[in-house]
N, C-alpha and C. Protein backbone atom coordinates (compact mmCIF):
# COMPACT_ATOMS: atom_id res chain seq x y z
N UNK A 1 57.64 -16.13 16.78
CA UNK A 1 58.23 -15.22 15.78
C UNK A 1 57.49 -13.88 15.76
N UNK A 2 56.14 -13.92 15.80
CA UNK A 2 55.37 -12.68 15.81
C UNK A 2 55.75 -11.81 17.00
N UNK A 3 55.91 -12.46 18.16
CA UNK A 3 56.24 -11.71 19.37
C UNK A 3 57.55 -10.97 19.22
N UNK A 4 58.55 -11.64 18.66
CA UNK A 4 59.88 -11.03 18.52
C UNK A 4 59.85 -9.89 17.51
N UNK A 5 59.29 -10.17 16.32
CA UNK A 5 59.27 -9.17 15.26
C UNK A 5 58.47 -7.95 15.67
N UNK A 6 57.28 -8.18 16.21
CA UNK A 6 56.41 -7.05 16.58
C UNK A 6 57.01 -6.25 17.73
N UNK A 7 57.61 -6.93 18.69
CA UNK A 7 58.20 -6.22 19.82
C UNK A 7 59.38 -5.37 19.39
N UNK A 8 60.24 -5.91 18.55
CA UNK A 8 61.39 -5.15 18.05
C UNK A 8 60.91 -3.94 17.25
N UNK A 9 59.93 -4.16 16.39
CA UNK A 9 59.38 -3.07 15.58
C UNK A 9 58.83 -1.96 16.47
N UNK A 10 58.07 -2.33 17.50
CA UNK A 10 57.46 -1.33 18.39
C UNK A 10 58.53 -0.56 19.17
N UNK A 11 59.56 -1.27 19.62
CA UNK A 11 60.63 -0.59 20.36
C UNK A 11 61.35 0.42 19.48
N UNK A 12 61.65 0.01 18.25
CA UNK A 12 62.32 0.92 17.31
C UNK A 12 61.43 2.13 17.03
N UNK A 13 60.14 1.88 16.82
CA UNK A 13 59.20 2.97 16.54
C UNK A 13 59.13 3.95 17.69
N UNK A 14 58.90 3.46 18.91
CA UNK A 14 58.76 4.35 20.06
C UNK A 14 60.04 5.13 20.33
N UNK A 15 61.18 4.46 20.26
CA UNK A 15 62.45 5.14 20.49
C UNK A 15 62.71 6.20 19.43
N UNK A 16 62.34 5.90 18.19
CA UNK A 16 62.59 6.83 17.09
C UNK A 16 61.78 8.11 17.24
N UNK A 17 60.47 7.97 17.39
CA UNK A 17 59.62 9.17 17.42
C UNK A 17 59.87 10.00 18.69
N UNK A 18 60.08 9.34 19.82
CA UNK A 18 60.32 10.09 21.05
C UNK A 18 61.67 10.79 21.00
N UNK A 19 62.70 10.10 20.48
CA UNK A 19 64.03 10.71 20.37
C UNK A 19 64.02 11.90 19.43
N UNK A 20 63.39 11.73 18.26
CA UNK A 20 63.32 12.85 17.30
C UNK A 20 62.53 14.01 17.90
N UNK A 21 61.48 13.68 18.64
CA UNK A 21 60.69 14.72 19.28
C UNK A 21 61.50 15.50 20.30
N UNK A 22 62.25 14.81 21.13
CA UNK A 22 63.07 15.48 22.13
C UNK A 22 64.16 16.34 21.49
N UNK A 23 64.73 15.85 20.39
CA UNK A 23 65.74 16.63 19.67
C UNK A 23 65.13 17.91 19.13
N UNK A 24 63.93 17.81 18.57
CA UNK A 24 63.27 19.00 18.02
C UNK A 24 62.92 20.01 19.12
N UNK A 25 62.49 19.52 20.27
CA UNK A 25 62.19 20.42 21.38
C UNK A 25 63.44 21.16 21.83
N UNK A 26 64.55 20.43 21.88
CA UNK A 26 65.80 21.03 22.35
C UNK A 26 66.43 21.95 21.32
N UNK A 27 66.51 21.49 20.08
CA UNK A 27 67.20 22.27 19.06
C UNK A 27 66.31 23.30 18.37
N UNK A 28 65.01 23.19 18.55
CA UNK A 28 64.09 24.08 17.85
C UNK A 28 63.77 25.36 18.59
N UNK A 29 64.51 25.66 19.63
CA UNK A 29 64.25 26.88 20.40
C UNK A 29 64.36 28.10 19.49
N UNK A 30 63.38 28.96 19.61
CA UNK A 30 63.34 30.12 18.72
C UNK A 30 62.56 29.85 17.46
N UNK A 31 62.18 28.59 17.25
CA UNK A 31 61.37 28.18 16.10
C UNK A 31 60.17 27.43 16.65
N UNK A 32 59.11 28.17 16.90
CA UNK A 32 57.97 27.59 17.60
C UNK A 32 57.37 26.39 16.87
N UNK A 33 57.38 26.43 15.54
CA UNK A 33 56.78 25.31 14.81
C UNK A 33 57.51 24.00 15.08
N UNK A 34 58.84 24.07 15.26
CA UNK A 34 59.60 22.84 15.50
C UNK A 34 59.48 22.38 16.94
N UNK A 35 59.36 23.32 17.88
CA UNK A 35 59.11 22.94 19.27
C UNK A 35 57.75 22.25 19.36
N UNK A 36 56.74 22.83 18.69
CA UNK A 36 55.42 22.21 18.65
C UNK A 36 55.49 20.83 18.01
N UNK A 37 56.26 20.72 16.94
CA UNK A 37 56.40 19.43 16.25
C UNK A 37 57.04 18.41 17.18
N UNK A 38 58.04 18.87 17.96
CA UNK A 38 58.69 17.97 18.90
C UNK A 38 57.74 17.49 19.98
N UNK A 39 56.95 18.42 20.53
CA UNK A 39 55.95 18.06 21.54
C UNK A 39 54.94 17.08 20.95
N UNK A 40 54.57 17.33 19.70
CA UNK A 40 53.64 16.45 19.00
C UNK A 40 54.21 15.04 18.87
N UNK A 41 55.48 14.93 18.51
CA UNK A 41 56.12 13.63 18.33
C UNK A 41 56.23 12.88 19.66
N UNK A 42 56.59 13.59 20.72
CA UNK A 42 56.69 12.95 22.04
C UNK A 42 55.31 12.51 22.52
N UNK A 43 54.29 13.33 22.26
CA UNK A 43 52.92 12.96 22.61
C UNK A 43 52.50 11.69 21.89
N UNK A 44 52.86 11.61 20.61
CA UNK A 44 52.56 10.42 19.81
C UNK A 44 53.22 9.18 20.41
N UNK A 45 54.52 9.26 20.65
CA UNK A 45 55.25 8.10 21.16
C UNK A 45 54.84 7.71 22.57
N UNK A 46 54.69 8.71 23.44
CA UNK A 46 54.32 8.42 24.83
C UNK A 46 52.92 7.82 24.90
N UNK A 47 52.00 8.36 24.10
CA UNK A 47 50.64 7.83 24.10
C UNK A 47 50.58 6.41 23.58
N UNK A 48 51.28 6.15 22.48
CA UNK A 48 51.28 4.80 21.91
C UNK A 48 51.94 3.79 22.84
N UNK A 49 52.89 4.26 23.66
CA UNK A 49 53.58 3.35 24.57
C UNK A 49 52.62 2.69 25.56
N UNK A 50 51.55 3.41 25.94
CA UNK A 50 50.59 2.85 26.89
C UNK A 50 49.88 1.62 26.32
N UNK A 51 49.81 1.53 25.00
CA UNK A 51 49.20 0.36 24.37
C UNK A 51 50.24 -0.65 23.90
N UNK A 52 51.32 -0.15 23.32
CA UNK A 52 52.30 -1.05 22.72
C UNK A 52 53.15 -1.81 23.75
N UNK A 53 53.46 -1.16 24.87
CA UNK A 53 54.27 -1.85 25.89
C UNK A 53 53.50 -3.03 26.49
N UNK A 54 52.23 -2.85 26.94
CA UNK A 54 51.49 -4.02 27.43
C UNK A 54 51.31 -5.09 26.36
N UNK A 55 51.15 -4.66 25.11
CA UNK A 55 50.99 -5.62 24.02
C UNK A 55 52.26 -6.45 23.85
N UNK A 56 53.41 -5.80 23.91
CA UNK A 56 54.68 -6.51 23.78
C UNK A 56 54.87 -7.49 24.92
N UNK A 57 54.54 -7.06 26.13
CA UNK A 57 54.65 -7.94 27.30
C UNK A 57 53.71 -9.14 27.15
N UNK A 58 52.50 -8.87 26.68
CA UNK A 58 51.52 -9.95 26.50
C UNK A 58 52.01 -10.97 25.48
N UNK A 59 52.51 -10.47 24.35
CA UNK A 59 52.97 -11.37 23.29
C UNK A 59 54.16 -12.22 23.74
N UNK A 60 54.98 -11.64 24.59
CA UNK A 60 56.20 -12.34 25.02
C UNK A 60 55.98 -13.19 26.27
N UNK A 61 54.77 -13.15 26.83
CA UNK A 61 54.50 -13.94 28.03
C UNK A 61 53.32 -14.89 27.83
N UNK A 62 52.17 -14.54 28.42
CA UNK A 62 51.05 -15.48 28.45
C UNK A 62 49.98 -15.23 27.39
N UNK A 63 50.16 -14.21 26.54
CA UNK A 63 49.21 -13.99 25.45
C UNK A 63 48.30 -12.80 25.68
N UNK A 64 47.76 -12.28 24.58
CA UNK A 64 46.94 -11.08 24.62
C UNK A 64 45.68 -11.24 25.45
N UNK A 65 45.11 -12.43 25.45
CA UNK A 65 43.86 -12.65 26.16
C UNK A 65 43.99 -12.44 27.67
N UNK A 66 45.21 -12.53 28.19
CA UNK A 66 45.43 -12.34 29.62
C UNK A 66 45.77 -10.90 29.99
N UNK A 67 45.79 -10.02 29.01
CA UNK A 67 46.12 -8.62 29.26
C UNK A 67 45.03 -7.70 28.71
N UNK A 68 43.81 -8.18 28.71
CA UNK A 68 42.69 -7.42 28.14
C UNK A 68 42.53 -6.05 28.80
N UNK A 69 42.61 -6.01 30.12
CA UNK A 69 42.41 -4.74 30.84
C UNK A 69 43.51 -3.74 30.50
N UNK A 70 44.76 -4.17 30.60
CA UNK A 70 45.88 -3.27 30.33
C UNK A 70 45.86 -2.78 28.88
N UNK A 71 45.55 -3.68 27.96
CA UNK A 71 45.50 -3.30 26.54
C UNK A 71 44.35 -2.33 26.28
N UNK A 72 43.22 -2.55 26.96
CA UNK A 72 42.08 -1.66 26.79
C UNK A 72 42.36 -0.26 27.31
N UNK A 73 42.95 -0.19 28.49
CA UNK A 73 43.30 1.12 29.06
C UNK A 73 44.32 1.82 28.16
N UNK A 74 45.29 1.05 27.67
CA UNK A 74 46.29 1.63 26.78
C UNK A 74 45.69 2.14 25.49
N UNK A 75 44.73 1.40 24.95
CA UNK A 75 44.05 1.82 23.73
C UNK A 75 43.25 3.09 23.96
N UNK A 76 42.64 3.20 25.13
CA UNK A 76 41.88 4.40 25.48
C UNK A 76 42.81 5.62 25.55
N UNK A 77 43.94 5.46 26.24
CA UNK A 77 44.90 6.57 26.36
C UNK A 77 45.44 6.97 25.00
N UNK A 78 45.75 5.98 24.18
CA UNK A 78 46.26 6.25 22.84
C UNK A 78 45.24 7.03 22.01
N UNK A 79 43.97 6.69 22.16
CA UNK A 79 42.92 7.39 21.42
C UNK A 79 42.88 8.88 21.79
N UNK A 80 43.10 9.19 23.06
CA UNK A 80 43.11 10.58 23.50
C UNK A 80 44.35 11.30 22.99
N UNK A 81 45.51 10.67 23.15
CA UNK A 81 46.76 11.34 22.75
C UNK A 81 46.84 11.53 21.23
N UNK A 82 46.25 10.59 20.47
CA UNK A 82 46.25 10.76 19.02
C UNK A 82 45.41 11.97 18.62
N UNK A 83 44.35 12.23 19.36
CA UNK A 83 43.52 13.40 19.09
C UNK A 83 44.31 14.68 19.37
N UNK A 84 45.03 14.68 20.49
CA UNK A 84 45.88 15.82 20.83
C UNK A 84 46.97 16.01 19.77
N UNK A 85 47.49 14.90 19.26
CA UNK A 85 48.51 14.93 18.21
C UNK A 85 48.04 15.77 17.02
N UNK A 86 46.79 15.56 16.59
CA UNK A 86 46.30 16.29 15.42
C UNK A 86 45.98 17.75 15.73
N UNK A 87 45.59 18.04 16.94
CA UNK A 87 45.39 19.44 17.33
C UNK A 87 46.74 20.18 17.29
N UNK A 88 47.79 19.53 17.80
CA UNK A 88 49.13 20.13 17.75
C UNK A 88 49.60 20.30 16.32
N UNK A 89 49.30 19.31 15.46
CA UNK A 89 49.69 19.40 14.06
C UNK A 89 48.99 20.57 13.38
N UNK A 90 47.77 20.85 13.78
CA UNK A 90 47.06 22.02 13.26
C UNK A 90 47.82 23.30 13.59
N UNK A 91 48.34 23.37 14.81
CA UNK A 91 49.08 24.57 15.19
C UNK A 91 50.46 24.63 14.53
N UNK A 92 51.02 23.48 14.20
CA UNK A 92 52.24 23.48 13.38
C UNK A 92 51.94 24.11 12.03
N UNK A 93 50.80 23.75 11.45
CA UNK A 93 50.37 24.33 10.17
C UNK A 93 50.23 25.84 10.29
N UNK A 94 49.61 26.31 11.34
CA UNK A 94 49.42 27.75 11.53
C UNK A 94 50.77 28.47 11.66
N UNK A 95 51.68 27.88 12.40
CA UNK A 95 52.99 28.50 12.60
C UNK A 95 53.82 28.49 11.32
N UNK A 96 53.83 27.38 10.63
CA UNK A 96 54.68 27.26 9.45
C UNK A 96 54.26 28.22 8.35
N UNK A 97 52.96 28.37 8.18
CA UNK A 97 52.47 29.21 7.08
C UNK A 97 51.95 30.56 7.56
N UNK A 98 52.32 30.91 8.80
CA UNK A 98 51.99 32.22 9.37
C UNK A 98 50.52 32.56 9.17
N UNK A 99 49.68 31.62 9.55
CA UNK A 99 48.23 31.78 9.39
C UNK A 99 47.67 32.60 10.55
N UNK A 100 46.90 33.59 10.23
CA UNK A 100 46.21 34.38 11.25
C UNK A 100 44.71 34.32 10.99
N UNK A 101 43.94 34.59 12.01
CA UNK A 101 42.49 34.49 11.83
C UNK A 101 42.06 33.04 11.72
N UNK A 102 41.22 32.76 10.73
CA UNK A 102 40.71 31.41 10.50
C UNK A 102 40.02 30.86 11.75
N UNK A 103 39.24 31.70 12.43
CA UNK A 103 38.60 31.27 13.67
C UNK A 103 37.62 30.12 13.44
N UNK A 104 36.98 30.14 12.28
CA UNK A 104 36.04 29.06 11.96
C UNK A 104 36.73 27.71 11.90
N UNK A 105 37.92 27.70 11.29
CA UNK A 105 38.69 26.45 11.19
C UNK A 105 39.13 26.00 12.58
N UNK A 106 39.62 26.94 13.38
CA UNK A 106 40.08 26.61 14.73
C UNK A 106 38.94 26.04 15.57
N UNK A 107 37.78 26.67 15.49
CA UNK A 107 36.62 26.18 16.24
C UNK A 107 36.24 24.78 15.79
N UNK A 108 36.28 24.55 14.48
CA UNK A 108 35.96 23.22 13.95
C UNK A 108 36.93 22.17 14.46
N UNK A 109 38.22 22.51 14.47
CA UNK A 109 39.24 21.60 14.98
C UNK A 109 38.95 21.22 16.43
N UNK A 110 38.67 22.22 17.24
CA UNK A 110 38.41 21.97 18.66
C UNK A 110 37.10 21.20 18.89
N UNK A 111 36.08 21.51 18.10
CA UNK A 111 34.81 20.80 18.25
C UNK A 111 34.97 19.32 17.90
N UNK A 112 35.67 19.03 16.80
CA UNK A 112 35.88 17.64 16.40
C UNK A 112 36.74 16.90 17.43
N UNK A 113 37.78 17.58 17.93
CA UNK A 113 38.64 16.95 18.93
C UNK A 113 37.87 16.69 20.22
N UNK A 114 37.07 17.68 20.64
CA UNK A 114 36.29 17.52 21.88
C UNK A 114 35.25 16.42 21.73
N UNK A 115 34.61 16.35 20.57
CA UNK A 115 33.61 15.31 20.33
C UNK A 115 34.25 13.94 20.35
N UNK A 116 35.41 13.83 19.71
CA UNK A 116 36.14 12.55 19.70
C UNK A 116 36.48 12.11 21.13
N UNK A 117 37.04 13.03 21.93
CA UNK A 117 37.42 12.70 23.30
C UNK A 117 36.19 12.36 24.14
N UNK A 118 35.12 13.14 23.96
CA UNK A 118 33.89 12.87 24.71
C UNK A 118 33.34 11.49 24.40
N UNK A 119 33.35 11.11 23.13
CA UNK A 119 32.86 9.78 22.74
C UNK A 119 33.75 8.68 23.31
N UNK A 120 35.04 8.95 23.42
CA UNK A 120 35.95 7.96 24.00
C UNK A 120 35.67 7.72 25.48
N UNK A 121 35.06 8.68 26.15
CA UNK A 121 34.80 8.58 27.59
C UNK A 121 33.57 7.75 27.93
N UNK A 122 32.73 7.50 26.95
CA UNK A 122 31.51 6.74 27.22
C UNK A 122 31.86 5.28 27.59
N UNK A 123 31.23 4.77 28.64
CA UNK A 123 31.51 3.38 29.05
C UNK A 123 31.08 2.36 28.00
N UNK A 124 30.17 2.77 27.10
CA UNK A 124 29.70 1.85 26.05
C UNK A 124 30.82 1.41 25.11
N UNK A 125 31.96 2.12 25.14
CA UNK A 125 33.10 1.72 24.31
C UNK A 125 33.64 0.35 24.71
N UNK A 126 33.45 0.01 25.97
CA UNK A 126 33.92 -1.29 26.44
C UNK A 126 35.42 -1.47 26.27
N UNK A 127 36.17 -0.45 26.65
CA UNK A 127 37.63 -0.49 26.43
C UNK A 127 38.28 -1.73 27.02
N UNK A 128 37.86 -2.12 28.22
CA UNK A 128 38.50 -3.25 28.90
C UNK A 128 37.78 -4.57 28.68
N UNK A 129 36.87 -4.57 27.72
CA UNK A 129 36.13 -5.80 27.40
C UNK A 129 36.81 -6.54 26.26
N UNK A 130 36.73 -7.84 26.31
CA UNK A 130 37.31 -8.65 25.23
C UNK A 130 36.45 -8.58 23.98
N UNK A 131 35.19 -8.13 24.14
CA UNK A 131 34.27 -8.03 23.01
C UNK A 131 33.70 -6.61 22.92
N UNK A 132 34.58 -5.66 22.70
CA UNK A 132 34.15 -4.26 22.59
C UNK A 132 33.27 -4.10 21.35
N UNK A 133 32.17 -3.34 21.45
CA UNK A 133 31.25 -3.19 20.32
C UNK A 133 31.86 -2.40 19.16
N UNK A 134 31.66 -2.92 17.95
CA UNK A 134 32.16 -2.26 16.75
C UNK A 134 31.48 -0.90 16.56
N UNK A 135 30.21 -0.82 16.91
CA UNK A 135 29.45 0.41 16.68
C UNK A 135 30.11 1.61 17.35
N UNK A 136 30.58 1.42 18.59
CA UNK A 136 31.22 2.54 19.28
C UNK A 136 32.61 2.83 18.73
N UNK A 137 33.24 1.83 18.17
CA UNK A 137 34.51 2.07 17.49
C UNK A 137 34.31 2.99 16.29
N UNK A 138 33.17 2.83 15.62
CA UNK A 138 32.83 3.69 14.48
C UNK A 138 32.44 5.08 14.96
N UNK A 139 31.61 5.14 16.00
CA UNK A 139 31.14 6.44 16.50
C UNK A 139 32.31 7.35 16.87
N UNK A 140 33.25 6.83 17.66
CA UNK A 140 34.34 7.68 18.15
C UNK A 140 35.35 8.02 17.06
N UNK A 141 35.37 7.21 15.99
CA UNK A 141 36.33 7.48 14.93
C UNK A 141 35.79 8.37 13.82
N UNK A 142 34.48 8.61 13.81
CA UNK A 142 33.92 9.51 12.80
C UNK A 142 34.46 10.94 12.94
N UNK A 143 34.37 11.57 14.14
CA UNK A 143 34.95 12.91 14.26
C UNK A 143 36.47 12.90 14.10
N UNK A 144 37.10 11.80 14.48
CA UNK A 144 38.55 11.69 14.32
C UNK A 144 38.93 11.69 12.84
N UNK A 145 38.16 10.95 12.03
CA UNK A 145 38.42 10.92 10.59
C UNK A 145 38.18 12.29 9.96
N UNK A 146 37.13 12.98 10.39
CA UNK A 146 36.85 14.32 9.88
C UNK A 146 37.97 15.29 10.26
N UNK A 147 38.48 15.13 11.48
CA UNK A 147 39.62 15.95 11.92
C UNK A 147 40.83 15.70 11.01
N UNK A 148 41.09 14.43 10.73
CA UNK A 148 42.21 14.08 9.85
C UNK A 148 42.04 14.62 8.45
N UNK A 149 40.83 14.52 7.91
CA UNK A 149 40.56 15.03 6.56
C UNK A 149 40.80 16.53 6.49
N UNK A 150 40.37 17.25 7.53
CA UNK A 150 40.57 18.70 7.56
C UNK A 150 42.05 19.05 7.58
N UNK A 151 42.83 18.34 8.39
CA UNK A 151 44.28 18.59 8.45
C UNK A 151 44.94 18.26 7.11
N UNK A 152 44.50 17.18 6.47
CA UNK A 152 45.03 16.81 5.15
C UNK A 152 44.81 17.93 4.15
N UNK A 153 43.58 18.44 4.10
CA UNK A 153 43.24 19.51 3.16
C UNK A 153 44.06 20.76 3.43
N UNK A 154 44.21 21.13 4.69
CA UNK A 154 44.96 22.34 5.06
C UNK A 154 46.42 22.24 4.59
N UNK A 155 47.05 21.12 4.87
CA UNK A 155 48.46 20.96 4.48
C UNK A 155 48.60 20.85 2.96
N UNK A 156 47.67 20.16 2.33
CA UNK A 156 47.75 20.03 0.87
C UNK A 156 47.65 21.38 0.20
N UNK A 157 46.69 22.19 0.61
CA UNK A 157 46.52 23.51 0.01
C UNK A 157 47.72 24.42 0.29
N UNK A 158 48.21 24.39 1.51
CA UNK A 158 49.29 25.30 1.88
C UNK A 158 50.63 24.93 1.24
N UNK A 159 50.92 23.62 1.17
CA UNK A 159 52.18 23.22 0.53
C UNK A 159 52.18 23.56 -0.95
N UNK A 160 51.01 23.45 -1.59
CA UNK A 160 50.89 23.84 -2.99
C UNK A 160 51.04 25.35 -3.15
N UNK A 161 50.35 26.09 -2.33
CA UNK A 161 50.36 27.54 -2.43
C UNK A 161 51.74 28.13 -2.16
N UNK A 162 52.43 27.58 -1.17
CA UNK A 162 53.75 28.12 -0.79
C UNK A 162 54.90 27.37 -1.45
N UNK A 163 54.58 26.38 -2.27
CA UNK A 163 55.60 25.54 -2.91
C UNK A 163 56.61 25.04 -1.87
N UNK A 164 56.06 24.49 -0.82
CA UNK A 164 56.85 24.03 0.33
C UNK A 164 57.36 22.61 0.08
N UNK A 165 58.56 22.50 -0.46
CA UNK A 165 59.11 21.19 -0.80
C UNK A 165 59.34 20.32 0.43
N UNK A 166 59.74 20.94 1.54
CA UNK A 166 60.05 20.17 2.75
C UNK A 166 58.82 19.45 3.30
N UNK A 167 57.65 20.08 3.16
CA UNK A 167 56.43 19.50 3.72
C UNK A 167 55.49 18.96 2.64
N UNK A 168 56.00 18.78 1.43
CA UNK A 168 55.12 18.43 0.31
C UNK A 168 54.42 17.09 0.50
N UNK A 169 55.00 16.19 1.31
CA UNK A 169 54.39 14.88 1.51
C UNK A 169 53.60 14.78 2.82
N UNK A 170 53.48 15.90 3.54
CA UNK A 170 52.80 15.85 4.84
C UNK A 170 51.36 15.36 4.70
N UNK A 171 50.63 15.92 3.76
CA UNK A 171 49.23 15.50 3.59
C UNK A 171 49.14 14.03 3.20
N UNK A 172 50.12 13.55 2.43
CA UNK A 172 50.12 12.14 2.02
C UNK A 172 50.35 11.22 3.21
N UNK A 173 51.26 11.59 4.11
CA UNK A 173 51.52 10.73 5.27
C UNK A 173 50.27 10.60 6.15
N UNK A 174 49.54 11.70 6.30
CA UNK A 174 48.32 11.66 7.12
C UNK A 174 47.25 10.83 6.42
N UNK A 175 47.14 11.01 5.10
CA UNK A 175 46.17 10.23 4.32
C UNK A 175 46.47 8.74 4.44
N UNK A 176 47.73 8.37 4.34
CA UNK A 176 48.11 6.96 4.44
C UNK A 176 47.80 6.41 5.83
N UNK A 177 48.09 7.20 6.85
CA UNK A 177 47.85 6.72 8.22
C UNK A 177 46.37 6.40 8.43
N UNK A 178 45.49 7.26 7.92
CA UNK A 178 44.06 6.99 8.05
C UNK A 178 43.62 5.87 7.11
N UNK A 179 44.23 5.81 5.93
CA UNK A 179 43.89 4.76 4.98
C UNK A 179 44.18 3.37 5.52
N UNK A 180 45.25 3.25 6.31
CA UNK A 180 45.59 1.96 6.91
C UNK A 180 44.82 1.71 8.21
N UNK A 181 44.43 2.78 8.88
CA UNK A 181 43.79 2.65 10.19
C UNK A 181 42.31 2.28 10.09
N UNK A 182 41.60 2.88 9.15
CA UNK A 182 40.14 2.68 9.05
C UNK A 182 39.77 1.21 8.83
N UNK A 183 40.44 0.47 7.92
CA UNK A 183 40.10 -0.95 7.78
C UNK A 183 40.31 -1.75 9.06
N UNK A 184 41.29 -1.36 9.85
CA UNK A 184 41.54 -2.05 11.12
C UNK A 184 40.36 -1.86 12.06
N UNK A 185 39.86 -0.63 12.13
CA UNK A 185 38.70 -0.34 12.98
C UNK A 185 37.49 -1.16 12.55
N UNK A 186 37.28 -1.26 11.24
CA UNK A 186 36.07 -1.88 10.72
C UNK A 186 36.11 -3.41 10.71
N UNK A 187 37.26 -3.98 10.40
CA UNK A 187 37.27 -5.42 10.11
C UNK A 187 38.31 -6.25 10.86
N UNK A 188 39.14 -5.63 11.69
CA UNK A 188 40.20 -6.40 12.35
C UNK A 188 39.65 -7.47 13.29
N UNK A 189 38.49 -7.22 13.91
CA UNK A 189 37.93 -8.22 14.83
C UNK A 189 37.45 -9.47 14.11
N UNK A 190 36.96 -9.30 12.88
CA UNK A 190 36.47 -10.46 12.13
C UNK A 190 37.55 -11.06 11.22
N UNK A 191 38.48 -10.23 10.78
CA UNK A 191 39.58 -10.72 9.94
C UNK A 191 40.89 -10.26 10.59
N UNK A 192 41.42 -11.02 11.54
CA UNK A 192 42.59 -10.61 12.32
C UNK A 192 43.80 -10.18 11.48
N UNK A 193 43.94 -10.76 10.29
CA UNK A 193 45.10 -10.43 9.45
C UNK A 193 45.12 -8.95 9.07
N UNK A 194 43.95 -8.33 9.04
CA UNK A 194 43.88 -6.91 8.69
C UNK A 194 44.60 -6.05 9.73
N UNK A 195 44.72 -6.59 10.94
CA UNK A 195 45.46 -5.87 11.98
C UNK A 195 46.89 -5.57 11.60
N UNK A 196 47.42 -6.31 10.62
CA UNK A 196 48.80 -6.07 10.15
C UNK A 196 48.93 -4.69 9.51
N UNK A 197 47.81 -4.09 9.13
CA UNK A 197 47.87 -2.76 8.52
C UNK A 197 48.35 -1.70 9.52
N UNK A 198 48.37 -2.04 10.80
CA UNK A 198 48.88 -1.10 11.79
C UNK A 198 50.38 -0.86 11.61
N UNK A 199 51.06 -1.79 10.95
CA UNK A 199 52.50 -1.60 10.72
C UNK A 199 52.76 -0.48 9.72
N UNK A 200 52.15 -0.52 8.50
CA UNK A 200 52.35 0.62 7.60
C UNK A 200 51.76 1.92 8.15
N UNK A 201 50.68 1.82 8.96
CA UNK A 201 50.13 3.02 9.59
C UNK A 201 51.17 3.65 10.50
N UNK A 202 51.85 2.81 11.28
CA UNK A 202 52.89 3.31 12.17
C UNK A 202 54.04 3.92 11.38
N UNK A 203 54.40 3.30 10.27
CA UNK A 203 55.47 3.83 9.41
C UNK A 203 55.08 5.20 8.86
N UNK A 204 53.80 5.39 8.56
CA UNK A 204 53.33 6.68 8.06
C UNK A 204 53.53 7.77 9.12
N UNK A 205 53.29 7.42 10.38
CA UNK A 205 53.51 8.38 11.46
C UNK A 205 54.98 8.71 11.64
N UNK A 206 55.83 7.70 11.50
CA UNK A 206 57.27 7.95 11.57
C UNK A 206 57.68 8.90 10.45
N UNK A 207 57.12 8.69 9.27
CA UNK A 207 57.40 9.58 8.13
C UNK A 207 56.96 11.01 8.45
N UNK A 208 55.81 11.16 9.07
CA UNK A 208 55.31 12.48 9.45
C UNK A 208 56.31 13.18 10.36
N UNK A 209 56.78 12.48 11.37
CA UNK A 209 57.74 13.06 12.32
C UNK A 209 59.06 13.36 11.62
N UNK A 210 59.48 12.48 10.72
CA UNK A 210 60.74 12.67 10.01
C UNK A 210 60.69 13.91 9.12
N UNK A 211 59.55 14.20 8.55
CA UNK A 211 59.40 15.39 7.73
C UNK A 211 59.72 16.64 8.55
N UNK A 212 59.15 16.72 9.75
CA UNK A 212 59.41 17.86 10.61
C UNK A 212 60.86 17.94 11.03
N UNK A 213 61.45 16.81 11.40
CA UNK A 213 62.84 16.78 11.83
C UNK A 213 63.78 17.18 10.70
N UNK A 214 63.54 16.65 9.51
CA UNK A 214 64.40 16.97 8.36
C UNK A 214 64.31 18.45 8.00
N UNK A 215 63.09 19.00 8.06
CA UNK A 215 62.91 20.42 7.75
C UNK A 215 63.66 21.29 8.75
N UNK A 216 63.63 20.90 10.03
CA UNK A 216 64.34 21.66 11.05
C UNK A 216 65.85 21.62 10.81
N UNK A 217 66.38 20.45 10.51
CA UNK A 217 67.82 20.33 10.27
C UNK A 217 68.27 21.19 9.10
N UNK A 218 67.52 21.17 8.02
CA UNK A 218 67.89 21.98 6.85
C UNK A 218 67.84 23.46 7.16
N UNK A 219 66.81 23.86 7.90
CA UNK A 219 66.67 25.28 8.22
C UNK A 219 67.78 25.76 9.15
N UNK A 220 68.13 24.94 10.15
CA UNK A 220 69.16 25.33 11.09
C UNK A 220 70.55 25.31 10.44
N UNK A 221 70.78 24.36 9.52
CA UNK A 221 72.07 24.29 8.84
C UNK A 221 72.24 25.44 7.86
N UNK A 222 71.13 25.99 7.37
CA UNK A 222 71.20 27.08 6.40
C UNK A 222 71.59 28.40 7.07
N UNK A 223 71.54 28.45 8.40
CA UNK A 223 71.84 29.69 9.10
C UNK A 223 73.30 29.76 9.51
């Protein structure tokens, strides 16, 4: 039952975010923020596919323990693409609110993203090991969490300042995604049931993409 439910959920998720992303890239021409949002959504879906597709195959065949290498490589790729996702989201923020300057913020974004990616490259992460160390899971996620917090603050302040109803829940979706993700990093290995939090985390990302898609549709229909 888990194999069927999880596989169907993952297929719907991947198809949804990638399709919405492609639509935004195609229909958002002339609106850089929506093209960026579309690229961001496709990056999210394509990156997650490297982990979710092997996981679905494993669940539907011989089990996760026999796909440790593929799942580890997929998790590594997803970690990189998720970092790129937030860098792109930062530029969506800049485009939507016509932000200029803010070089300090931009440098901070790039430093946190670079540190996160650099930490992911260390062999001590044990990506393809069945017993990857928790300590390195924490190390690589510290700059990632700081990156997320910064993006949350930026969107929260800007949506309030500009009374942006279309994006008013953007900071909440990011907060929820991290809120569900952090317990998985910390305790999923010892309490497997906590891994179920990846489902609402995934839903939060779908909500994030839907916000951008809905905003684009309203703006284009208004013209």
